[in-house]
C-alpha atoms as a PDB file:
ATOM      1  CA  MET A   1      64.148  11.472  33.336  1.00  0.00           C
ATOM      2  CA  ASN A   2      64.879   9.630  30.076  1.00  0.00           C
ATOM      3  CA  ILE A   3      63.672   6.269  31.428  1.00  0.00           C
ATOM      4  CA  ALA A   4      62.657   3.728  28.814  1.00  0.00           C
ATOM      5  CA  ILE A   5      59.403   2.048  29.847  1.00  0.00           C
ATOM      6  CA  ALA A   6      57.198  -0.152  27.714  1.00  0.00           C
ATOM      7  CA  ASN A   7      53.750   1.014  26.677  1.00  0.00           C
ATOM      8  CA  ILE A   8      51.765   0.989  29.917  1.00  0.00           C
ATOM      9  CA  ALA A   9      48.296   2.461  30.276  1.00  0.00           C
ATOM     10  CA  PRO A  10      47.873   5.058  33.061  1.00  0.00           C
ATOM     11  CA  THR A  11      44.810   3.225  34.328  1.00  0.00           C
ATOM     12  CA  ARG A  12      46.996   0.240  35.203  1.00  0.00           C
ATOM     13  CA  LEU A  13      49.282   2.474  37.290  1.00  0.00           C
ATOM     14  CA  LYS A  14      46.318   3.856  39.260  1.00  0.00           C
ATOM     15  CA  GLN A  15      45.661   0.397  40.667  1.00  0.00           C
ATOM     16  CA  GLY A  16      48.866   0.612  42.725  1.00  0.00           C
ATOM     17  CA  SER A  17      49.788  -3.025  42.108  1.00  0.00           C
ATOM     18  CA  GLY A  18      50.412  -5.423  39.304  1.00  0.00           C
ATOM     19  CA  GLU A  19      52.912  -5.937  36.498  1.00  0.00           C
ATOM     20  CA  ALA A  20      52.812  -2.333  35.267  1.00  0.00           C
ATOM     21  CA  VAL A  21      53.738  -0.872  38.672  1.00  0.00           C
ATOM     22  CA  LEU A  22      56.556  -3.385  39.065  1.00  0.00           C
ATOM     23  CA  ALA A  23      57.886  -2.484  35.607  1.00  0.00           C
ATOM     24  CA  VAL A  24      57.972   1.231  36.504  1.00  0.00           C
ATOM     25  CA  LEU A  25      59.705   0.551  39.821  1.00  0.00           C
ATOM     26  CA  SER A  26      62.242  -1.720  38.115  1.00  0.00           C
ATOM     27  CA  ALA A  27      63.009   0.971  35.526  1.00  0.00           C
ATOM     28  CA  LEU A  28      63.459   3.587  38.266  1.00  0.00           C
ATOM     29  CA  VAL A  29      65.838   1.348  40.222  1.00  0.00           C
ATOM     30  CA  ASN A  30      67.870   0.563  37.095  1.00  0.00           C
ATOM     31  CA  ALA A  31      68.108   4.258  36.254  1.00  0.00           C
ATOM     32  CA  ALA A  32      69.185   5.097  39.802  1.00  0.00           C
ATOM     33  CA  LEU A  33      71.869   2.412  39.802  1.00  0.00           C
ATOM     34  CA  SER A  34      73.198   3.449  36.394  1.00  0.00           C
ATOM     35  CA  SER A  35      73.326   7.151  37.304  1.00  0.00           C
ATOM     36  CA  THR A  36      75.387   6.692  40.497  1.00  0.00           C
ATOM     37  CA  GLY A  37      77.782   4.111  39.084  1.00  0.00           C
ATOM     38  CA  TYR A  38      77.189   1.674  41.905  1.00  0.00           C
ATOM     39  CA  GLY A  39      79.107  -1.616  41.611  1.00  0.00           C
ATOM     40  CA  PHE A  40      79.761  -4.800  43.559  1.00  0.00           C
ATOM     41  CA  GLN A  41      83.116  -6.003  44.794  1.00  0.00           C
ATOM     42  CA  GLN A  42      84.508  -8.981  42.908  1.00  0.00           C
ATOM     43  CA  ILE A  43      85.011 -12.257  44.756  1.00  0.00           C
ATOM     44  CA  ASP A  44      88.625 -13.442  44.949  1.00  0.00           C
ATOM     45  CA  TYR A  45      88.897 -17.118  44.023  1.00  0.00           C
ATOM     46  CA  GLY A  46      92.711 -17.124  43.986  1.00  0.00           C
ATOM     47  CA  GLN A  47      92.968 -18.907  47.322  1.00  0.00           C
ATOM     48  CA  VAL A  48      90.670 -21.714  46.212  1.00  0.00           C
ATOM     49  CA  GLU A  49      92.854 -24.709  45.348  1.00  0.00           C
ATOM     50  CA  ARG A  50      90.147 -27.078  44.162  1.00  0.00           C
ATOM     51  CA  TYR A  51      86.730 -26.190  42.837  1.00  0.00           C
ATOM     52  CA  ASP A  52      83.828 -27.584  44.768  1.00  0.00           C
ATOM     53  CA  GLU A  53      80.320 -26.773  43.586  1.00  0.00           C
ATOM     54  CA  LEU A  54      78.650 -26.982  46.994  1.00  0.00           C
ATOM     55  CA  ALA A  55      81.443 -25.037  48.742  1.00  0.00           C
ATOM     56  CA  ALA A  56      81.349 -22.352  46.038  1.00  0.00           C
ATOM     57  CA  VAL A  57      77.602 -21.936  46.428  1.00  0.00           C
ATOM     58  CA  ALA A  58      77.908 -21.719  50.234  1.00  0.00           C
ATOM     59  CA  ASP A  59      80.757 -19.157  50.023  1.00  0.00           C
ATOM     60  CA  ALA A  60      78.811 -17.045  47.566  1.00  0.00           C
ATOM     61  CA  GLU A  61      75.803 -17.025  49.897  1.00  0.00           C
ATOM     62  CA  ASP A  62      78.005 -16.087  52.903  1.00  0.00           C
ATOM     63  CA  GLU A  63      79.723 -13.244  51.034  1.00  0.00           C
ATOM     64  CA  GLN A  64      76.427 -11.966  49.777  1.00  0.00           C
ATOM     65  CA  GLY A  65      75.021 -12.044  53.322  1.00  0.00           C
ATOM     66  CA  GLU A  66      78.043 -10.128  54.666  1.00  0.00           C
ATOM     67  CA  ASP A  67      77.895  -7.455  51.955  1.00  0.00           C
ATOM     68  CA  GLU A  68      74.156  -6.992  52.188  1.00  0.00           C
ATOM     69  CA  ILE A  69      73.093  -3.379  52.736  1.00  0.00           C
ATOM     70  CA  GLU A  70      69.752  -2.628  54.281  1.00  0.00           C
ATOM     71  CA  ASP A  71      68.070   0.639  53.414  1.00  0.00           C
ATOM     72  CA  ASN A  72      65.481   1.757  55.920  1.00  0.00           C
ATOM     73  CA  VAL A  73      63.071   4.413  54.759  1.00  0.00           C
ATOM     74  CA  VAL A  74      61.015   6.047  57.471  1.00  0.00           C
ATOM     75  CA  ILE A  75      58.061   8.115  56.334  1.00  0.00           C
ATOM     76  CA  ASP A  76      56.282  10.337  58.851  1.00  0.00           C
ATOM     77  CA  SER A  77      53.276  12.476  58.016  1.00  0.00           C
ATOM     78  CA  ASP A  78      51.661  15.275  60.049  1.00  0.00           C
ATOM     79  CA  ASP A  79      48.341  17.092  59.728  1.00  0.00           C
ATOM     80  CA  ASP A  80      49.694  19.173  56.794  1.00  0.00           C
ATOM     81  CA  ASP A  81      50.504  15.971  54.834  1.00  0.00           C
ATOM     82  CA  GLU A  82      54.218  16.730  54.981  1.00  0.00           C
ATOM     83  CA  VAL A  83      56.428  13.741  54.262  1.00  0.00           C
ATOM     84  CA  TYR A  84      59.935  13.268  55.593  1.00  0.00           C
ATOM     85  CA  VAL A  85      62.214  10.527  54.394  1.00  0.00           C
ATOM     86  CA  ARG A  86      65.340   9.398  56.139  1.00  0.00           C
ATOM     87  CA  ALA A  87      67.649   6.932  54.400  1.00  0.00           C
ATOM     88  CA  VAL A  88      69.902   5.101  56.783  1.00  0.00           C
ATOM     89  CA  SER A  89      72.819   3.187  55.300  1.00  0.00           C
ATOM     90  CA  GLY A  90      76.305   2.320  56.409  1.00  0.00           C
ATOM     91  CA  ASN A  91      78.381  -0.416  57.893  1.00  0.00           C
ATOM     92  CA  ARG A  92      77.256  -3.109  60.309  1.00  0.00           C
ATOM     93  CA  SER A  93      77.668  -0.985  63.460  1.00  0.00           C
ATOM     94  CA  ALA A  94      75.540   1.818  62.041  1.00  0.00           C
ATOM     95  CA  LYS A  95      72.894  -0.703  61.017  1.00  0.00           C
ATOM     96  CA  ASN A  96      72.758  -2.159  64.528  1.00  0.00           C
ATOM     97  CA  ASP A  97      72.358   1.323  66.020  1.00  0.00           C
ATOM     98  CA  ALA A  98      69.542   2.097  63.582  1.00  0.00           C
ATOM     99  CA  ASP A  99      67.771  -1.188  64.341  1.00  0.00           C
ATOM    100  CA  ARG A 100      67.885  -0.560  68.114  1.00  0.00           C
ATOM    101  CA  PRO A 101      64.467   0.824  69.242  1.00  0.00           C
ATOM    102  CA  PRO A 102      64.624   4.400  70.607  1.00  0.00           C
ATOM    103  CA  THR A 103      64.096   4.982  74.321  1.00  0.00           C
ATOM    104  CA  PRO A 104      61.102   7.268  74.976  1.00  0.00           C
ATOM    105  CA  LYS A 105      61.658  10.276  77.294  1.00  0.00           C
ATOM    106  CA  VAL A 106      57.977  11.179  77.744  1.00  0.00           C
ATOM    107  CA  ASP A 107      56.110  10.420  80.932  1.00  0.00           C
ATOM    108  CA  VAL A 108      53.724   7.500  80.483  1.00  0.00           C
ATOM    109  CA  GLU A 109      50.863   9.074  82.408  1.00  0.00           C
ATOM    110  CA  GLU A 110      51.091  12.349  80.466  1.00  0.00           C
ATOM    111  CA  TRP A 111      51.174  10.383  77.222  1.00  0.00           C
ATOM    112  CA  LYS A 112      48.009   8.448  78.163  1.00  0.00           C
ATOM    113  CA  MET A 113      46.190  11.640  79.150  1.00  0.00           C
ATOM    114  CA  GLU A 114      47.133  13.288  75.864  1.00  0.00           C
ATOM    115  CA  VAL A 115      45.956  10.234  73.924  1.00  0.00           C
ATOM    116  CA  GLU A 116      42.610  10.217  75.748  1.00  0.00           C
ATOM    117  CA  ARG A 117      42.182  13.925  75.021  1.00  0.00           C
ATOM    118  CA  VAL A 118      43.023  13.724  71.306  1.00  0.00           C
ATOM    119  CA  ALA A 119      41.419  10.351  70.492  1.00  0.00           C
ATOM    120  CA  PRO A 120      37.805  11.657  70.176  1.00  0.00           C
ATOM    121  CA  LEU A 121      38.982  14.376  67.780  1.00  0.00           C
ATOM    122  CA  LEU A 122      40.686  11.978  65.396  1.00  0.00           C
ATOM    123  CA  GLN A 123      38.800  10.929  62.274  1.00  0.00           C
ATOM    124  CA  VAL A 124      39.599   8.305  59.663  1.00  0.00           C
ATOM    125  CA  ARG A 125      39.769  10.059  56.320  1.00  0.00           C
ATOM    126  CA  GLN A 126      40.000   8.032  53.135  1.00  0.00           C
ATOM    127  CA  SER A 127      42.405   9.288  50.508  1.00  0.00           C
ATOM    128  CA  SER A 128      40.722  10.768  47.471  1.00  0.00           C
ATOM    129  CA  LEU A 129      41.820  10.151  43.911  1.00  0.00           C
ATOM    130  CA  ASP A 130      41.724  13.920  43.304  1.00  0.00           C
ATOM    131  CA  ASP A 131      44.455  14.565  45.871  1.00  0.00           C
ATOM    132  CA  TRP A 132      47.095  14.420  43.148  1.00  0.00           C
ATOM    133  CA  ARG A 133      49.373  17.066  44.622  1.00  0.00           C
ATOM    134  CA  SER A 134      50.128  15.012  47.712  1.00  0.00           C
ATOM    135  CA  ARG A 135      50.675  11.987  45.503  1.00  0.00           C
ATOM    136  CA  ILE A 136      53.161  13.910  43.351  1.00  0.00           C
ATOM    137  CA  GLU A 137      55.002  15.106  46.449  1.00  0.00           C
ATOM    138  CA  SER A 138      55.121  11.584  47.822  1.00  0.00           C
ATOM    139  CA  ALA A 139      56.398  10.277  44.492  1.00  0.00           C
ATOM    140  CA  THR A 140      59.073  13.015  44.430  1.00  0.00           C
ATOM    141  CA  VAL A 141      60.250  12.159  47.931  1.00  0.00           C
ATOM    142  CA  LEU A 142      60.337   8.468  47.110  1.00  0.00           C
ATOM    143  CA  LEU A 143      62.260   9.211  43.910  1.00  0.00           C
ATOM    144  CA  LYS A 144      64.879  11.137  45.883  1.00  0.00           C
ATOM    145  CA  ALA A 145      65.136   8.241  48.301  1.00  0.00           C
ATOM    146  CA  VAL A 146      65.622   5.838  45.387  1.00  0.00           C
ATOM    147  CA  GLU A 147      68.297   8.120  43.900  1.00  0.00           C
ATOM    148  CA  ASN A 148      70.111   8.195  47.236  1.00  0.00           C
ATOM    149  CA  MET A 149      69.991   4.421  47.538  1.00  0.00           C
ATOM    150  CA  TYR A 150      70.940   3.839  43.916  1.00  0.00           C
ATOM    151  CA  PRO A 151      74.785   3.815  44.284  1.00  0.00           C
ATOM    152  CA  ASP A 152      74.851   1.173  47.010  1.00  0.00           C
ATOM    153  CA  VAL A 153      72.229  -0.940  45.276  1.00  0.00           C
ATOM    154  CA  LYS A 154      74.071  -0.659  41.963  1.00  0.00           C
ATOM    155  CA  GLN A 155      77.342  -1.870  43.490  1.00  0.00           C
ATOM    156  CA  MET A 156      75.521  -4.722  45.157  1.00  0.00           C
ATOM    157  CA  LEU A 157      73.758  -5.762  41.969  1.00  0.00           C
ATOM    158  CA  GLU A 158      76.918  -5.481  39.863  1.00  0.00           C
ATOM    159  CA  ARG A 159      78.850  -7.625  42.323  1.00  0.00           C
ATOM    160  CA  LEU A 160      75.986 -10.108  42.371  1.00  0.00           C
ATOM    161  CA  ALA A 161      75.863 -10.127  38.565  1.00  0.00           C
ATOM    162  CA  GLY A 162      79.603 -10.798  38.392  1.00  0.00           C
ATOM    163  CA  ASP A 163      79.307 -13.661  40.843  1.00  0.00           C
ATOM    164  CA  MET A 164      76.401 -15.098  38.888  1.00  0.00           C
ATOM    165  CA  ASP A 165      78.373 -14.867  35.623  1.00  0.00           C
ATOM    166  CA  LYS A 166      81.326 -16.688  37.170  1.00  0.00           C
ATOM    167  CA  SER A 167      79.077 -19.321  38.668  1.00  0.00           C
ATOM    168  CA  ARG A 168      77.319 -19.740  35.333  1.00  0.00           C
ATOM    169  CA  ASP A 169      80.644 -20.171  33.512  1.00  0.00           C
ATOM    170  CA  ARG A 170      81.788 -22.759  36.018  1.00  0.00           C
ATOM    171  CA  ILE A 171      78.483 -24.605  35.783  1.00  0.00           C
ATOM    172  CA  GLN A 172      78.733 -24.620  31.985  1.00  0.00           C
ATOM    173  CA  LYS A 173      82.286 -25.983  32.159  1.00  0.00           C
ATOM    174  CA  ARG A 174      81.172 -28.607  34.624  1.00  0.00           C
ATOM    175  CA  GLU A 175      78.275 -29.581  32.370  1.00  0.00           C
ATOM    176  CA  GLN A 176      80.620 -29.894  29.400  1.00  0.00           C
ATOM    177  CA  THR A 177      82.974 -32.093  31.437  1.00  0.00           C
ATOM    178  CA  LEU A 178      80.110 -34.319  32.553  1.00  0.00           C
ATOM    179  CA  ALA A 179      78.790 -34.506  28.992  1.00  0.00           C
ATOM    180  CA  GLN A 180      82.201 -35.651  27.744  1.00  0.00           C
ATOM    181  CA  GLN A 181      82.583 -38.193  30.534  1.00  0.00           C
ATOM    182  CA  PHE A 182      79.129 -39.723  30.101  1.00  0.00           C
ATOM    183  CA  SER A 183      78.810 -39.444  26.317  1.00  0.00           C
ATOM    184  CA  ASP A 184      79.076 -43.241  25.876  1.00  0.00           C
ATOM    185  CA  GLN A 185      76.443 -43.881  28.532  1.00  0.00           C
ATOM    186  CA  VAL A 186      74.159 -41.288  26.948  1.00  0.00           C
ATOM    187  CA  GLU A 187      74.506 -42.933  23.541  1.00  0.00           C
ATOM    188  CA  ASP A 188      73.788 -46.356  25.055  1.00  0.00           C
ATOM    189  CA  TYR A 189      70.757 -44.893  26.771  1.00  0.00           C
ATOM    190  CA  ARG A 190      69.489 -43.500  23.474  1.00  0.00           C
ATOM    191  CA  VAL A 191      69.942 -46.882  21.781  1.00  0.00           C
ATOM    192  CA  LYS A 192      68.143 -48.653  24.631  1.00  0.00           C
ATOM    193  CA  LEU A 193      65.397 -46.057  24.513  1.00  0.00           C
ATOM    194  CA  ARG A 194      64.871 -46.624  20.780  1.00  0.00           C
ATOM    195  CA  GLU A 195      64.787 -50.387  21.351  1.00  0.00           C
ATOM    196  CA  LEU A 196      62.298 -49.898  24.157  1.00  0.00           C
ATOM    197  CA  ASN A 197      60.050 -47.782  21.931  1.00  0.00           C
ATOM    198  CA  THR A 198      60.262 -50.415  19.185  1.00  0.00           C
ATOM    199  CA  SER A 199      59.383 -53.166  21.668  1.00  0.00           C
ATOM    200  CA  ARG A 200      56.452 -51.137  22.955  1.00  0.00           C
ATOM    201  CA  ASP A 201      55.148 -50.645  19.415  1.00  0.00           C
ATOM    202  CA  SER A 202      55.471 -54.375  18.721  1.00  0.00           C
ATOM    203  CA  ALA A 203      53.726 -55.178  21.990  1.00  0.00           C
ATOM    204  CA  ASN A 204      50.883 -52.810  21.133  1.00  0.00           C
ATOM    205  CA  VAL A 205      50.456 -54.410  17.692  1.00  0.00           C
ATOM    206  CA  ALA A 206      50.523 -57.894  19.240  1.00  0.00           C
ATOM    207  CA  GLN A 207      47.996 -56.826  21.859  1.00  0.00           C
ATOM    208  CA  GLN A 208      45.645 -55.516  19.179  1.00  0.00           C
ATOM    209  CA  THR A 209      46.043 -58.783  17.242  1.00  0.00           C
ATOM    210  CA  VAL A 210      45.315 -60.806  20.393  1.00  0.00           C
ATOM    211  CA  GLN A 211      42.208 -58.741  21.073  1.00  0.00           C
ATOM    212  CA  GLN A 212      40.966 -59.268  17.507  1.00  0.00           C
ATOM    213  CA  MET A 213      41.626 -63.015  17.693  1.00  0.00           C
ATOM    214  CA  THR A 214      39.900 -63.146  21.077  1.00  0.00           C
ATOM    215  CA  VAL A 215      36.787 -61.614  19.535  1.00  0.00           C
ATOM    216  CA  GLU A 216      36.900 -64.150  16.696  1.00  0.00           C
ATOM    217  CA  LEU A 217      37.385 -66.987  19.222  1.00  0.00           C
ATOM    218  CA  ASN A 218      34.334 -65.859  21.164  1.00  0.00           C
ATOM    219  CA  GLN A 219      32.260 -65.806  17.982  1.00  0.00           C
ATOM    220  CA  ILE A 220      33.465 -69.294  16.988  1.00  0.00           C
ATOM    221  CA  SER A 221      32.803 -70.578  20.521  1.00  0.00           C
ATOM    222  CA  GLU A 222      29.242 -69.275  20.398  1.00  0.00           C
ATOM    223  CA  LEU A 223      28.703 -70.916  16.996  1.00  0.00           C
ATOM    224  CA  LEU A 224      30.175 -74.203  18.296  1.00  0.00           C
ATOM    225  CA  ASP A 225      27.905 -74.148  21.341  1.00  0.00           C
ATOM    226  CA  GLN A 226      24.863 -73.557  19.138  1.00  0.00           C
ATOM    227  CA  THR A 227      25.897 -76.455  16.873  1.00  0.00           C
ATOM    228  CA  LYS A 228      26.377 -78.728  19.887  1.00  0.00           C
ATOM    229  CA  ARG A 229      22.921 -77.834  21.157  1.00  0.00           C
ATOM    230  CA  ASP A 230      21.374 -78.600  17.754  1.00  0.00           C
ATOM    231  CA  ILE A 231      23.167 -81.961  17.572  1.00  0.00           C
ATOM    232  CA  ALA A 232      22.066 -82.832  21.113  1.00  0.00           C
ATOM    233  CA  GLU A 233      18.463 -81.992  20.298  1.00  0.00           C
ATOM    234  CA  ARG A 234      18.539 -84.146  17.154  1.00  0.00           C
ATOM    235  CA  GLN A 235      20.178 -87.042  19.000  1.00  0.00           C
ATOM    236  CA  ALA A 236      17.547 -86.763  21.699  1.00  0.00           C
ATOM    237  CA  LYS A 237      14.828 -86.902  19.079  1.00  0.00           C
ATOM    238  CA  ILE A 238      16.444 -89.911  17.363  1.00  0.00           C
ATOM    239  CA  SER A 239      17.144 -91.857  20.563  1.00  0.00           C
ATOM    240  CA  ASP A 240      13.694 -91.213  22.016  1.00  0.00           C
ATOM    241  CA  THR A 241      11.856 -94.636  21.619  1.00  0.00           C
ATOM    242  CA  THR A 242       8.759 -93.610  23.536  1.00  0.00           C
ATOM    243  CA  PRO A 243       6.549 -93.283  20.432  1.00  0.00           C
ATOM    244  CA  LEU A 244       7.751 -96.651  19.131  1.00  0.00           C
ATOM    245  CA  ILE A 245       7.030 -98.296  22.454  1.00  0.00           C
ATOM    246  CA  GLN A 246       3.592 -96.722  22.504  1.00  0.00           C
ATOM    247  CA  VAL A 247       2.949 -98.040  18.973  1.00  0.00           C
ATOM    248  CA  LYS A 248       4.072-101.511  19.973  1.00  0.00           C
ATOM    249  CA  GLU A 249       1.855-101.455  23.048  1.00  0.00           C
ATOM    250  CA  ALA A 250      -1.076-100.264  20.926  1.00  0.00           C
ATOM    251  CA  VAL A 251      -0.447-103.079  18.405  1.00  0.00           C
ATOM    252  CA  VAL A 252      -0.349-105.667  21.199  1.00  0.00           C
ATOM    253  CA  LYS A 253      -3.528-104.238  22.661  1.00  0.00           C
ATOM    254  CA  VAL A 254      -5.242-104.253  19.259  1.00  0.00           C
ATOM    255  CA  GLN A 255      -4.119-107.852  18.638  1.00  0.00           C
ATOM    256  CA  ALA A 256      -5.521-108.885  22.034  1.00  0.00           C
ATOM    257  CA  GLU A 257      -8.776-107.143  21.231  1.00  0.00           C
ATOM    258  CA  ILE A 258      -8.825-108.852  17.806  1.00  0.00           C
ATOM    259  CA  LYS A 259      -8.347-112.251  19.463  1.00  0.00           C
ATOM    260  CA  LEU A 260     -11.096-111.485  21.924  1.00  0.00           C
ATOM    261  CA  MET A 261     -13.408-110.357  19.134  1.00  0.00           C
ATOM    262  CA  SER A 262     -12.563-113.459  17.102  1.00  0.00           C
ATOM    263  CA  LEU A 263     -13.365-115.625  20.102  1.00  0.00           C
ATOM    264  CA  ARG A 264     -16.667-113.864  20.678  1.00  0.00           C
ATOM    265  CA  ILE A 265     -17.479-114.077  16.963  1.00  0.00           C
ATOM    266  CA  GLY A 266     -16.780-117.834  17.046  1.00  0.00           C
ATOM    267  CA  ILE A 267     -18.965-118.246  20.107  1.00  0.00           C
ATOM    268  CA  LEU A 268     -21.761-116.263  18.481  1.00  0.00           C
ATOM    269  CA  GLN A 269     -21.466-118.234  15.252  1.00  0.00           C
ATOM    270  CA  ASN A 270     -21.615-121.479  17.200  1.00  0.00           C
ATOM    271  CA  GLY A 271     -24.635-120.279  19.141  1.00  0.00           C
ATOM    272  CA  VAL A 272     -26.399-119.121  15.995  1.00  0.00           C
ATOM    273  CA  LEU A 273     -25.661-122.431  14.302  1.00  0.00           C
ATOM    274  CA  GLN A 274     -27.030-124.403  17.266  1.00  0.00           C
ATOM    275  CA  HIS A 275     -30.054-122.145  17.392  1.00  0.00           C
ATOM    276  CA  VAL A 276     -30.741-122.701  13.715  1.00  0.00           C
ATOM    277  CA  MET A 277     -30.301-126.417  14.142  1.00  0.00           C
ATOM    278  CA  LYS A 278     -32.602-126.485  17.141  1.00  0.00           C
ATOM    279  CA  GLN A 279     -35.225-124.436  15.339  1.00  0.00           C
ATOM    280  CA  THR A 280     -35.100-126.797  12.436  1.00  0.00           C
ATOM    281  CA  LYS A 281     -35.444-129.764  14.750  1.00  0.00           C
ATOM    282  CA  ALA A 282     -38.223-128.048  16.646  1.00  0.00           C
ATOM    283  CA  ARG A 283     -40.164-127.415  13.508  1.00  0.00           C
ATOM    284  CA  ARG A 284     -39.979-131.035  12.789  1.00  0.00           C
ATOM    285  CA  GLU A 285     -41.025-132.219  16.259  1.00  0.00           C
ATOM    286  CA  GLY A 286     -43.682-129.706  17.174  1.00  0.00           C
ATOM    287  CA  PRO A 287     -44.600-126.530  18.929  1.00  0.00           C
ATOM    288  CA  THR A 288     -43.862-127.803  22.458  1.00  0.00           C
ATOM    289  CA  ALA A 289     -40.368-128.824  21.732  1.00  0.00           C
ATOM    290  CA  GLU A 290     -39.814-125.602  19.841  1.00  0.00           C
ATOM    291  CA  GLY A 291     -40.766-123.484  22.863  1.00  0.00           C
ATOM    292  CA  THR A 292     -38.448-125.435  25.110  1.00  0.00           C
ATOM    293  CA  GLU A 293     -35.479-125.128  22.718  1.00  0.00           C
ATOM    294  CA  MET A 294     -36.041-121.409  22.234  1.00  0.00           C
ATOM    295  CA  TYR A 295     -35.864-120.953  25.962  1.00  0.00           C
ATOM    296  CA  SER A 296     -32.611-122.911  26.212  1.00  0.00           C
ATOM    297  CA  GLY A 297     -31.116-120.923  23.285  1.00  0.00           C
ATOM    298  CA  GLU A 298     -31.858-117.617  24.972  1.00  0.00           C
ATOM    299  CA  ILE A 299     -30.150-118.843  28.105  1.00  0.00           C
ATOM    300  CA  MET A 300     -27.043-119.808  26.084  1.00  0.00           C
ATOM    301  CA  PHE A 301     -26.763-116.434  24.313  1.00  0.00           C
ATOM    302  CA  SER A 302     -27.153-114.506  27.537  1.00  0.00           C
END
């Protein structure tokens, strides 16, 4: 068929879905459209006095909806795996007739009896990968259906492509006009953006500097607190007069004890002196007097 398709592995086509299958279908549709020379009708913008973007988009959607062609493919299969394809296309009246459901002419009771009779004989049979002949026939029928639909689809796509090109050109012109009108504002925005970036960089540098200085301040504050604690401890040691008071009290107590001892020593010396004097006198007077004086001396010392 002379269809250019990128390198696609056959195993990817066997899956029945995915990018490879879509690429093959897209190539077949393009080939069908190109072979039949299908094209779209051009939109007449001569009656449009003033261009409006929203109105143009709405008109394009309305025209596309009016010119849309629906292709209905009906595939019926019997016990012999025969496939029939019917492509229905045409104007709006033909499409409405095709969409209208057919009216059955079979008796309902006979239909139910036939269904009850045939239902037990029906079996669900899974399709085998080896049934390649039926697959080729199905592909051939589908290809013919695509070839039949190709002219209408080609015209539709060409008309849609033309409309898209015109819309793109108008959008580009509109963008150029807007760019020329707002060129000064865009330049001002760029200048403001550069200034904003510069201010952000300066703010980041200042923030880093503040963080570093905050760390240094915390270190200095800790050192200052430690120094204050040391000074307070030393002042407390210097201003604490408790040991001095205790020393003074001990000195006063010792002085009182010294006075008391001096008094007792004086009393003892006086007693000893009197005793010696009395003994001397007693020796002179006699034994009787000596015994009496000794007794009085003992009483004095006690």
